[in-house]
């Protein structure tokens, strides 16, 4: 609905996540479409910490983002995330 609603949503989502989870984003490609406009593709993993220090993959998402450069730097304008099957995430 607006910037504050979006911030409130993400603040509540991340604050409510269980302990021992992490969110890892790897940017695969950024393409500068214009001087102040970029498109990025990334892979996001949600992982759970194991007792022995290892991490178990819980969910994987493919992200497509549009960023716009303003006077205060780059800001995300639009983000789309599609959940993908963990077995094919690295392909």
C-alpha atoms as a PDB file:
ATOM      1  CA  UNK A   1       0.000   0.000   0.000  1.00  0.00           C
ATOM      2  CA  UNK A   2       2.859   2.363   0.804  1.00  0.00           C
ATOM      3  CA  UNK A   3       6.388   2.623   2.114  1.00  0.00           C
ATOM      4  CA  UNK A   4       5.449   2.496   5.807  1.00  0.00           C
ATOM      5  CA  UNK A   5       3.108  -0.479   5.313  1.00  0.00           C
ATOM      6  CA  UNK A   6       5.860  -2.349   3.471  1.00  0.00           C
ATOM      7  CA  UNK A   7       8.412  -1.574   6.194  1.00  0.00           C
ATOM      8  CA  UNK A   8       5.993  -2.657   8.904  1.00  0.00           C
ATOM      9  CA  UNK A   9       5.277  -5.919   7.079  1.00  0.00           C
ATOM     10  CA  UNK A  10       8.951  -6.861   6.691  1.00  0.00           C
ATOM     11  CA  UNK A  11       9.769  -5.783  10.249  1.00  0.00           C
ATOM     12  CA  UNK A  12       7.049  -8.101  11.589  1.00  0.00           C
ATOM     13  CA  UNK A  13       8.072 -11.001   9.319  1.00  0.00           C
ATOM     14  CA  UNK A  14      11.755 -10.858  10.273  1.00  0.00           C
ATOM     15  CA  UNK A  15      11.039 -10.196  13.958  1.00  0.00           C
ATOM     16  CA  UNK A  16       8.769 -13.251  14.095  1.00  0.00           C
ATOM     17  CA  UNK A  17      11.160 -15.708  12.508  1.00  0.00           C
ATOM     18  CA  UNK A  18      12.298 -18.514  14.777  1.00  0.00           C
ATOM     19  CA  UNK A  19      15.790 -18.437  16.278  1.00  0.00           C
ATOM     20  CA  UNK A  20      18.375 -20.351  14.299  1.00  0.00           C
ATOM     21  CA  UNK A  21      17.131 -19.341  10.857  1.00  0.00           C
ATOM     22  CA  UNK A  22      19.090 -17.258   8.393  1.00  0.00           C
ATOM     23  CA  UNK A  23      18.242 -15.596   5.104  1.00  0.00           C
ATOM     24  CA  UNK A  24      21.077 -15.664   2.527  1.00  0.00           C
ATOM     25  CA  UNK A  25      20.883 -13.711  -0.742  1.00  0.00           C
ATOM     26  CA  UNK A  26      23.302 -14.214  -3.632  1.00  0.00           C
ATOM     27  CA  UNK A  27      23.033 -11.751  -6.513  1.00  0.00           C
ATOM     28  CA  UNK A  28      23.669 -13.605  -9.780  1.00  0.00           C
ATOM     29  CA  UNK A  29      23.466 -10.697 -12.207  1.00  0.00           C
ATOM     30  CA  UNK A  30      22.834  -6.958 -12.209  1.00  0.00           C
ATOM     31  CA  UNK A  31      22.069  -5.229 -15.485  1.00  0.00           C
ATOM     32  CA  UNK A  32      22.160  -1.450 -15.726  1.00  0.00           C
ATOM     33  CA  UNK A  33      19.099  -0.646 -17.850  1.00  0.00           C
ATOM     34  CA  UNK A  34      19.550   3.107 -17.648  1.00  0.00           C
ATOM     35  CA  UNK A  35      21.724   5.565 -15.756  1.00  0.00           C
ATOM     36  CA  UNK A  36      19.459   5.342 -12.711  1.00  0.00           C
ATOM     37  CA  UNK A  37      17.694   2.007 -13.258  1.00  0.00           C
ATOM     38  CA  UNK A  38      18.971  -1.543 -12.690  1.00  0.00           C
ATOM     39  CA  UNK A  39      17.548  -5.054 -12.903  1.00  0.00           C
ATOM     40  CA  UNK A  40      18.935  -7.811 -10.645  1.00  0.00           C
ATOM     41  CA  UNK A  41      18.501 -11.584 -10.479  1.00  0.00           C
ATOM     42  CA  UNK A  42      19.292 -13.424  -7.276  1.00  0.00           C
ATOM     43  CA  UNK A  43      18.904 -16.657  -5.372  1.00  0.00           C
ATOM     44  CA  UNK A  44      17.657 -16.552  -1.775  1.00  0.00           C
ATOM     45  CA  UNK A  45      18.057 -19.413   0.698  1.00  0.00           C
ATOM     46  CA  UNK A  46      16.362 -19.782   4.061  1.00  0.00           C
ATOM     47  CA  UNK A  47      18.442 -22.092   6.241  1.00  0.00           C
ATOM     48  CA  UNK A  48      18.167 -23.566   9.741  1.00  0.00           C
ATOM     49  CA  UNK A  49      21.155 -24.000  12.061  1.00  0.00           C
ATOM     50  CA  UNK A  50      21.938 -27.535  13.152  1.00  0.00           C
ATOM     51  CA  UNK A  51      23.321 -28.596  16.531  1.00  0.00           C
ATOM     52  CA  UNK A  52      26.665 -29.506  14.951  1.00  0.00           C
ATOM     53  CA  UNK A  53      27.155 -26.101  13.256  1.00  0.00           C
ATOM     54  CA  UNK A  54      25.839 -27.116   9.849  1.00  0.00           C
ATOM     55  CA  UNK A  55      22.981 -25.407   7.985  1.00  0.00           C
ATOM     56  CA  UNK A  56      19.952 -27.182   6.518  1.00  0.00           C
ATOM     57  CA  UNK A  57      18.204 -25.667   3.495  1.00  0.00           C
ATOM     58  CA  UNK A  58      14.549 -24.991   4.248  1.00  0.00           C
ATOM     59  CA  UNK A  59      13.336 -22.897   1.280  1.00  0.00           C
ATOM     60  CA  UNK A  60      14.774 -21.407  -1.888  1.00  0.00           C
ATOM     61  CA  UNK A  61      13.501 -18.439  -3.886  1.00  0.00           C
ATOM     62  CA  UNK A  62      14.476 -16.842  -7.180  1.00  0.00           C
ATOM     63  CA  UNK A  63      14.333 -13.033  -6.893  1.00  0.00           C
ATOM     64  CA  UNK A  64      13.944 -10.490  -9.678  1.00  0.00           C
ATOM     65  CA  UNK A  65      14.376  -6.894  -8.551  1.00  0.00           C
ATOM     66  CA  UNK A  66      14.260  -3.430 -10.066  1.00  0.00           C
ATOM     67  CA  UNK A  67      16.343  -0.756  -8.320  1.00  0.00           C
ATOM     68  CA  UNK A  68      16.220   2.995  -8.881  1.00  0.00           C
ATOM     69  CA  UNK A  69      19.017   5.419  -8.011  1.00  0.00           C
ATOM     70  CA  UNK A  70      17.883   8.522  -6.147  1.00  0.00           C
ATOM     71  CA  UNK A  71      19.599  11.324  -4.279  1.00  0.00           C
ATOM     72  CA  UNK A  72      20.172   9.003  -1.273  1.00  0.00           C
ATOM     73  CA  UNK A  73      21.500   6.051  -3.295  1.00  0.00           C
ATOM     74  CA  UNK A  74      19.933   2.920  -4.754  1.00  0.00           C
ATOM     75  CA  UNK A  75      16.488   1.781  -3.560  1.00  0.00           C
ATOM     76  CA  UNK A  76      14.459  -1.276  -4.452  1.00  0.00           C
ATOM     77  CA  UNK A  77      11.484  -0.263  -6.546  1.00  0.00           C
ATOM     78  CA  UNK A  78      10.026  -3.697  -7.195  1.00  0.00           C
ATOM     79  CA  UNK A  79      10.867  -7.234  -6.037  1.00  0.00           C
ATOM     80  CA  UNK A  80       9.347 -10.499  -7.171  1.00  0.00           C
ATOM     81  CA  UNK A  81      10.198 -13.774  -5.438  1.00  0.00           C
ATOM     82  CA  UNK A  82       9.201 -17.194  -6.713  1.00  0.00           C
ATOM     83  CA  UNK A  83       9.667 -20.212  -4.506  1.00  0.00           C
ATOM     84  CA  UNK A  84      11.573 -22.955  -6.281  1.00  0.00           C
ATOM     85  CA  UNK A  85      12.054 -26.620  -5.545  1.00  0.00           C
ATOM     86  CA  UNK A  86      15.081 -27.094  -3.261  1.00  0.00           C
ATOM     87  CA  UNK A  87      16.260 -30.057  -5.333  1.00  0.00           C
ATOM     88  CA  UNK A  88      16.712 -27.852  -8.438  1.00  0.00           C
ATOM     89  CA  UNK A  89      17.795 -24.629  -6.702  1.00  0.00           C
ATOM     90  CA  UNK A  90      21.408 -24.763  -7.818  1.00  0.00           C
ATOM     91  CA  UNK A  91      20.628 -25.506 -11.461  1.00  0.00           C
END
